[in-house]
N, C-alpha and C. Protein backbone atom coordinates (compact mmCIF):
# COMPACT_ATOMS: atom_id res chain seq x y z
N MET A 1 0.84 -1.18 0.00
CA MET A 1 0.00 0.00 0.00
C MET A 1 0.88 1.24 0.00
N THR A 2 0.49 2.19 -0.74
CA THR A 2 1.25 3.44 -0.80
C THR A 2 0.74 4.41 0.26
N PHE A 3 1.58 5.39 0.54
CA PHE A 3 1.19 6.44 1.47
C PHE A 3 -0.07 7.14 0.98
N LEU A 4 -0.13 7.43 -0.31
CA LEU A 4 -1.30 8.14 -0.85
C LEU A 4 -2.57 7.33 -0.73
N GLU A 5 -2.47 6.01 -0.90
CA GLU A 5 -3.66 5.17 -0.73
C GLU A 5 -4.14 5.22 0.71
N GLY A 6 -3.22 5.15 1.66
CA GLY A 6 -3.59 5.26 3.07
C GLY A 6 -4.20 6.61 3.38
N LEU A 7 -3.62 7.67 2.83
CA LEU A 7 -4.15 9.02 3.03
C LEU A 7 -5.57 9.13 2.49
N LEU A 8 -5.81 8.57 1.31
CA LEU A 8 -7.15 8.60 0.73
C LEU A 8 -8.15 7.88 1.61
N TRP A 9 -7.83 6.66 2.05
CA TRP A 9 -8.78 5.89 2.87
C TRP A 9 -9.00 6.52 4.24
N LEU A 10 -7.97 7.11 4.80
CA LEU A 10 -8.13 7.80 6.08
C LEU A 10 -9.04 9.01 5.91
N THR A 11 -8.84 9.76 4.84
CA THR A 11 -9.69 10.92 4.57
C THR A 11 -11.12 10.51 4.28
N LEU A 12 -11.30 9.45 3.49
CA LEU A 12 -12.66 8.95 3.22
C LEU A 12 -13.36 8.55 4.52
N ASN A 13 -12.62 7.91 5.42
CA ASN A 13 -13.24 7.49 6.67
C ASN A 13 -13.66 8.69 7.51
N VAL A 14 -12.79 9.68 7.61
CA VAL A 14 -13.15 10.89 8.36
C VAL A 14 -14.33 11.59 7.68
N TYR A 15 -14.31 11.66 6.37
CA TYR A 15 -15.41 12.30 5.63
C TYR A 15 -16.73 11.61 5.92
N HIS A 16 -16.79 10.30 5.77
CA HIS A 16 -18.06 9.59 5.92
C HIS A 16 -18.49 9.43 7.38
N GLU A 17 -17.54 9.46 8.31
CA GLU A 17 -17.87 9.29 9.72
C GLU A 17 -18.06 10.62 10.46
N ALA A 18 -17.39 11.70 10.00
CA ALA A 18 -17.36 12.89 10.85
C ALA A 18 -17.32 14.21 10.09
N ARG A 19 -17.75 14.26 8.85
CA ARG A 19 -17.63 15.51 8.09
C ARG A 19 -18.41 16.66 8.70
N SER A 20 -19.46 16.39 9.46
CA SER A 20 -20.24 17.46 10.08
C SER A 20 -19.74 17.83 11.47
N GLU A 21 -18.67 17.19 11.90
CA GLU A 21 -18.10 17.44 13.22
C GLU A 21 -17.13 18.62 13.18
N PRO A 22 -16.88 19.23 14.35
CA PRO A 22 -15.83 20.25 14.39
C PRO A 22 -14.47 19.61 14.11
N GLU A 23 -13.49 20.42 13.79
CA GLU A 23 -12.18 19.90 13.42
C GLU A 23 -11.62 18.94 14.48
N ILE A 24 -11.77 19.24 15.75
CA ILE A 24 -11.22 18.37 16.79
C ILE A 24 -11.86 16.98 16.74
N GLY A 25 -13.15 16.92 16.42
CA GLY A 25 -13.83 15.63 16.28
C GLY A 25 -13.33 14.86 15.07
N GLN A 26 -13.07 15.56 13.97
CA GLN A 26 -12.53 14.92 12.78
C GLN A 26 -11.12 14.39 13.04
N VAL A 27 -10.30 15.18 13.72
CA VAL A 27 -8.94 14.74 14.04
C VAL A 27 -9.00 13.52 14.96
N ALA A 28 -9.91 13.53 15.91
CA ALA A 28 -10.06 12.39 16.83
C ALA A 28 -10.45 11.12 16.07
N VAL A 29 -11.35 11.22 15.11
CA VAL A 29 -11.74 10.06 14.30
C VAL A 29 -10.53 9.56 13.50
N ALA A 30 -9.73 10.47 12.98
CA ALA A 30 -8.51 10.06 12.26
C ALA A 30 -7.58 9.31 13.20
N HIS A 31 -7.40 9.81 14.42
CA HIS A 31 -6.53 9.12 15.38
C HIS A 31 -7.06 7.72 15.70
N VAL A 32 -8.35 7.59 15.88
CA VAL A 32 -8.93 6.27 16.16
C VAL A 32 -8.67 5.32 15.01
N THR A 33 -8.84 5.78 13.80
CA THR A 33 -8.61 4.94 12.62
C THR A 33 -7.15 4.49 12.57
N ILE A 34 -6.25 5.41 12.81
CA ILE A 34 -4.82 5.08 12.83
C ILE A 34 -4.52 4.10 13.97
N ASN A 35 -5.06 4.37 15.15
CA ASN A 35 -4.82 3.50 16.30
C ASN A 35 -5.35 2.09 16.07
N ARG A 36 -6.54 2.01 15.47
CA ARG A 36 -7.13 0.69 15.22
C ARG A 36 -6.31 -0.08 14.20
N ALA A 37 -5.85 0.59 13.17
CA ALA A 37 -5.01 -0.07 12.17
C ALA A 37 -3.72 -0.58 12.81
N ALA A 38 -3.10 0.25 13.63
CA ALA A 38 -1.85 -0.15 14.29
C ALA A 38 -2.08 -1.31 15.25
N SER A 39 -3.18 -1.28 16.00
CA SER A 39 -3.43 -2.34 16.99
C SER A 39 -3.71 -3.69 16.33
N ARG A 40 -4.13 -3.66 15.08
CA ARG A 40 -4.44 -4.91 14.35
C ARG A 40 -3.39 -5.23 13.29
N ALA A 41 -2.36 -4.42 13.23
CA ALA A 41 -1.29 -4.59 12.23
C ALA A 41 -1.87 -4.67 10.81
N LEU A 42 -2.79 -3.75 10.53
CA LEU A 42 -3.43 -3.66 9.21
C LEU A 42 -3.14 -2.31 8.59
N SER A 43 -3.26 -2.25 7.28
CA SER A 43 -3.18 -0.95 6.60
C SER A 43 -4.45 -0.16 6.92
N ILE A 44 -4.38 1.14 6.70
CA ILE A 44 -5.57 1.98 6.90
C ILE A 44 -6.71 1.47 6.02
N LYS A 45 -6.44 1.21 4.76
CA LYS A 45 -7.48 0.72 3.85
C LYS A 45 -8.10 -0.57 4.39
N ASN A 46 -7.28 -1.51 4.82
CA ASN A 46 -7.82 -2.79 5.28
C ASN A 46 -8.61 -2.67 6.56
N VAL A 47 -8.20 -1.81 7.47
CA VAL A 47 -8.98 -1.66 8.70
C VAL A 47 -10.30 -0.94 8.42
N VAL A 48 -10.29 0.05 7.53
CA VAL A 48 -11.53 0.75 7.18
C VAL A 48 -12.51 -0.18 6.50
N LYS A 49 -12.01 -1.06 5.64
CA LYS A 49 -12.90 -1.95 4.87
C LYS A 49 -13.26 -3.24 5.61
N GLN A 50 -12.73 -3.46 6.81
CA GLN A 50 -13.13 -4.65 7.57
C GLN A 50 -14.63 -4.59 7.81
N PRO A 51 -15.31 -5.72 7.68
CA PRO A 51 -16.77 -5.72 7.89
C PRO A 51 -17.16 -5.21 9.29
N TYR A 52 -18.15 -4.34 9.31
CA TYR A 52 -18.77 -3.84 10.54
C TYR A 52 -17.84 -3.05 11.44
N GLN A 53 -16.78 -2.47 10.88
CA GLN A 53 -15.89 -1.63 11.67
C GLN A 53 -16.31 -0.17 11.60
N PHE A 54 -16.61 0.30 10.41
CA PHE A 54 -17.06 1.67 10.19
C PHE A 54 -18.34 1.58 9.37
N SER A 55 -19.43 2.06 9.92
CA SER A 55 -20.75 1.80 9.36
C SER A 55 -20.92 2.26 7.91
N TRP A 56 -20.24 3.32 7.53
CA TRP A 56 -20.46 3.85 6.18
C TRP A 56 -20.05 2.85 5.11
N THR A 57 -19.09 1.98 5.37
CA THR A 57 -18.66 1.02 4.35
C THR A 57 -19.73 -0.03 4.08
N ASN A 58 -20.65 -0.19 5.02
CA ASN A 58 -21.74 -1.16 4.84
C ASN A 58 -23.00 -0.50 4.27
N GLN A 59 -23.04 0.82 4.30
CA GLN A 59 -24.27 1.53 3.94
C GLN A 59 -24.21 2.26 2.61
N LYS A 60 -23.04 2.42 2.05
CA LYS A 60 -22.88 3.23 0.85
C LYS A 60 -22.70 2.36 -0.39
N ASN A 61 -23.32 2.77 -1.47
CA ASN A 61 -23.10 2.13 -2.76
C ASN A 61 -21.88 2.73 -3.46
N SER A 62 -21.57 3.97 -3.10
CA SER A 62 -20.41 4.66 -3.68
C SER A 62 -19.65 5.35 -2.56
N TYR A 63 -18.33 5.28 -2.63
CA TYR A 63 -17.50 5.94 -1.63
C TYR A 63 -17.11 7.35 -2.06
N ILE A 64 -17.50 7.76 -3.24
CA ILE A 64 -17.11 9.07 -3.77
C ILE A 64 -17.82 10.16 -2.98
N PRO A 65 -17.05 11.10 -2.41
CA PRO A 65 -17.65 12.19 -1.63
C PRO A 65 -18.55 13.06 -2.49
N GLU A 66 -19.67 13.45 -1.92
CA GLU A 66 -20.62 14.32 -2.62
C GLU A 66 -20.35 15.79 -2.37
N ASP A 67 -19.57 16.09 -1.33
CA ASP A 67 -19.29 17.47 -0.94
C ASP A 67 -17.77 17.71 -0.97
N PRO A 68 -17.25 18.22 -2.09
CA PRO A 68 -15.80 18.41 -2.20
C PRO A 68 -15.22 19.32 -1.12
N HIS A 69 -15.93 20.38 -0.74
CA HIS A 69 -15.43 21.27 0.30
C HIS A 69 -15.25 20.51 1.61
N ALA A 70 -16.24 19.72 1.99
CA ALA A 70 -16.15 18.93 3.22
C ALA A 70 -15.03 17.89 3.12
N PHE A 71 -14.85 17.30 1.95
CA PHE A 71 -13.78 16.32 1.76
C PHE A 71 -12.41 16.96 2.01
N PHE A 72 -12.20 18.15 1.46
CA PHE A 72 -10.91 18.81 1.66
C PHE A 72 -10.73 19.29 3.09
N GLN A 73 -11.82 19.65 3.76
CA GLN A 73 -11.72 19.97 5.19
C GLN A 73 -11.31 18.73 5.97
N CYS A 74 -11.86 17.58 5.62
CA CYS A 74 -11.48 16.32 6.27
C CYS A 74 -10.02 15.98 5.99
N MET A 75 -9.57 16.27 4.78
CA MET A 75 -8.16 16.02 4.44
C MET A 75 -7.26 16.91 5.31
N LYS A 76 -7.67 18.14 5.57
CA LYS A 76 -6.91 19.02 6.46
C LYS A 76 -6.86 18.41 7.87
N SER A 77 -7.97 17.89 8.34
CA SER A 77 -8.01 17.27 9.67
C SER A 77 -7.12 16.04 9.72
N VAL A 78 -7.07 15.27 8.65
CA VAL A 78 -6.18 14.11 8.58
C VAL A 78 -4.73 14.58 8.63
N TYR A 79 -4.41 15.64 7.92
CA TYR A 79 -3.05 16.19 7.95
C TYR A 79 -2.67 16.58 9.38
N ILE A 80 -3.59 17.22 10.07
CA ILE A 80 -3.33 17.62 11.47
C ILE A 80 -3.10 16.37 12.32
N ALA A 81 -3.93 15.35 12.15
CA ALA A 81 -3.77 14.11 12.92
C ALA A 81 -2.42 13.46 12.67
N LEU A 82 -2.00 13.44 11.42
CA LEU A 82 -0.73 12.80 11.07
C LEU A 82 0.48 13.59 11.59
N ASN A 83 0.26 14.85 11.93
CA ASN A 83 1.36 15.70 12.37
C ASN A 83 1.20 16.19 13.81
N SER A 84 0.40 15.47 14.60
CA SER A 84 0.20 15.87 15.99
C SER A 84 0.12 14.64 16.88
N ALA A 85 0.34 14.88 18.16
CA ALA A 85 0.24 13.79 19.13
C ALA A 85 -1.21 13.32 19.23
N ASP A 86 -1.38 12.06 19.57
CA ASP A 86 -2.71 11.47 19.72
C ASP A 86 -3.32 11.91 21.05
N PHE A 87 -4.23 12.86 21.00
CA PHE A 87 -4.87 13.35 22.22
C PHE A 87 -6.02 12.45 22.68
N THR A 88 -6.29 11.36 21.93
CA THR A 88 -7.36 10.44 22.33
C THR A 88 -6.86 9.35 23.28
N ALA A 89 -5.60 9.42 23.66
CA ALA A 89 -5.00 8.45 24.60
C ALA A 89 -5.06 7.02 24.07
N GLY A 90 -4.95 6.89 22.75
CA GLY A 90 -4.94 5.56 22.16
C GLY A 90 -6.32 4.98 21.90
N ALA A 91 -7.33 5.81 21.83
CA ALA A 91 -8.70 5.32 21.59
C ALA A 91 -8.76 4.53 20.29
N THR A 92 -9.54 3.46 20.30
CA THR A 92 -9.72 2.64 19.10
C THR A 92 -11.20 2.49 18.73
N TYR A 93 -12.08 3.11 19.49
CA TYR A 93 -13.52 3.02 19.21
C TYR A 93 -14.18 4.36 19.51
N TYR A 94 -15.32 4.58 18.89
CA TYR A 94 -16.15 5.74 19.18
C TYR A 94 -17.56 5.44 18.73
N HIS A 95 -18.48 6.24 19.22
CA HIS A 95 -19.88 6.15 18.77
C HIS A 95 -20.54 7.51 18.96
N LEU A 96 -21.64 7.72 18.27
CA LEU A 96 -22.41 8.95 18.45
C LEU A 96 -22.95 9.00 19.87
N ASP A 97 -23.04 10.21 20.40
CA ASP A 97 -23.46 10.36 21.79
C ASP A 97 -24.94 10.05 22.03
N ASN A 98 -25.72 9.93 20.98
CA ASN A 98 -27.14 9.64 21.17
C ASN A 98 -27.49 8.16 21.08
N ILE A 99 -26.47 7.29 21.03
CA ILE A 99 -26.71 5.85 21.06
C ILE A 99 -25.85 5.24 22.16
N GLU A 100 -26.20 4.06 22.58
CA GLU A 100 -25.43 3.34 23.60
C GLU A 100 -25.17 1.93 23.10
N PRO A 101 -24.07 1.72 22.37
CA PRO A 101 -23.80 0.39 21.83
C PRO A 101 -23.49 -0.63 22.93
N TYR A 102 -23.76 -1.88 22.63
CA TYR A 102 -23.55 -2.95 23.61
C TYR A 102 -22.11 -3.03 24.08
N TRP A 103 -21.16 -2.67 23.26
CA TRP A 103 -19.75 -2.84 23.59
C TRP A 103 -19.17 -1.73 24.46
N ALA A 104 -19.87 -0.61 24.59
CA ALA A 104 -19.30 0.56 25.28
C ALA A 104 -18.89 0.27 26.72
N SER A 105 -19.65 -0.56 27.41
CA SER A 105 -19.33 -0.85 28.82
C SER A 105 -18.07 -1.70 28.97
N GLU A 106 -17.61 -2.29 27.88
CA GLU A 106 -16.42 -3.14 27.92
C GLU A 106 -15.12 -2.34 27.74
N TYR A 107 -15.22 -1.05 27.42
CA TYR A 107 -14.05 -0.22 27.15
C TYR A 107 -14.00 0.96 28.11
N THR A 108 -12.85 1.60 28.16
CA THR A 108 -12.65 2.77 29.02
C THR A 108 -13.00 4.03 28.24
N PHE A 109 -13.93 4.80 28.79
CA PHE A 109 -14.30 6.08 28.18
C PHE A 109 -13.12 7.04 28.28
N VAL A 110 -12.79 7.69 27.17
CA VAL A 110 -11.67 8.63 27.14
C VAL A 110 -12.18 10.07 27.22
N GLN A 111 -13.03 10.46 26.26
CA GLN A 111 -13.47 11.84 26.14
C GLN A 111 -14.53 11.92 25.05
N GLN A 112 -15.26 13.01 25.04
CA GLN A 112 -16.18 13.30 23.95
C GLN A 112 -15.63 14.48 23.16
N TYR A 113 -15.60 14.31 21.84
CA TYR A 113 -15.20 15.37 20.91
C TYR A 113 -16.31 15.52 19.91
N GLY A 114 -16.91 16.70 19.85
CA GLY A 114 -18.07 16.87 18.99
C GLY A 114 -19.19 15.98 19.50
N SER A 115 -19.84 15.27 18.61
CA SER A 115 -20.96 14.41 19.01
C SER A 115 -20.55 12.93 19.11
N HIS A 116 -19.25 12.66 19.19
CA HIS A 116 -18.77 11.28 19.34
C HIS A 116 -18.10 11.09 20.69
N LYS A 117 -18.35 9.93 21.29
CA LYS A 117 -17.67 9.52 22.52
C LYS A 117 -16.58 8.52 22.14
N PHE A 118 -15.41 8.67 22.72
CA PHE A 118 -14.23 7.88 22.37
C PHE A 118 -13.83 6.97 23.51
N TYR A 119 -13.38 5.75 23.14
CA TYR A 119 -13.05 4.71 24.10
C TYR A 119 -11.74 4.01 23.72
N LYS A 120 -11.11 3.41 24.73
CA LYS A 120 -9.95 2.56 24.48
C LYS A 120 -10.12 1.27 25.28
N GLN A 121 -9.33 0.27 24.88
CA GLN A 121 -9.39 -1.03 25.58
C GLN A 121 -8.72 -0.92 26.92
């Protein structure tokens, strides 16, 4: 996998998971994606495309962003994540604050950024 392929998949994940979030929430989602890939020794593309890891990959017929401005904002957030310390304390999971997934009680709550709550093992 090339660096550019990883950058594309990381940006797509932030776009589809958090494009309406403030920048800090987008950066946090990027950190989680990176952390999850590292913890599983997978490429960014492979961790994003794993079944049932990121809901958008199961719900979309096309991965092509519909909002170019939001896509480039997400790319900026990915750039910030790649060039900054992980402030999520190694979080590998998150969910919207208006749902309570079955797995949340099994992990340590880290922080909420935007409308997502972040957790680590």
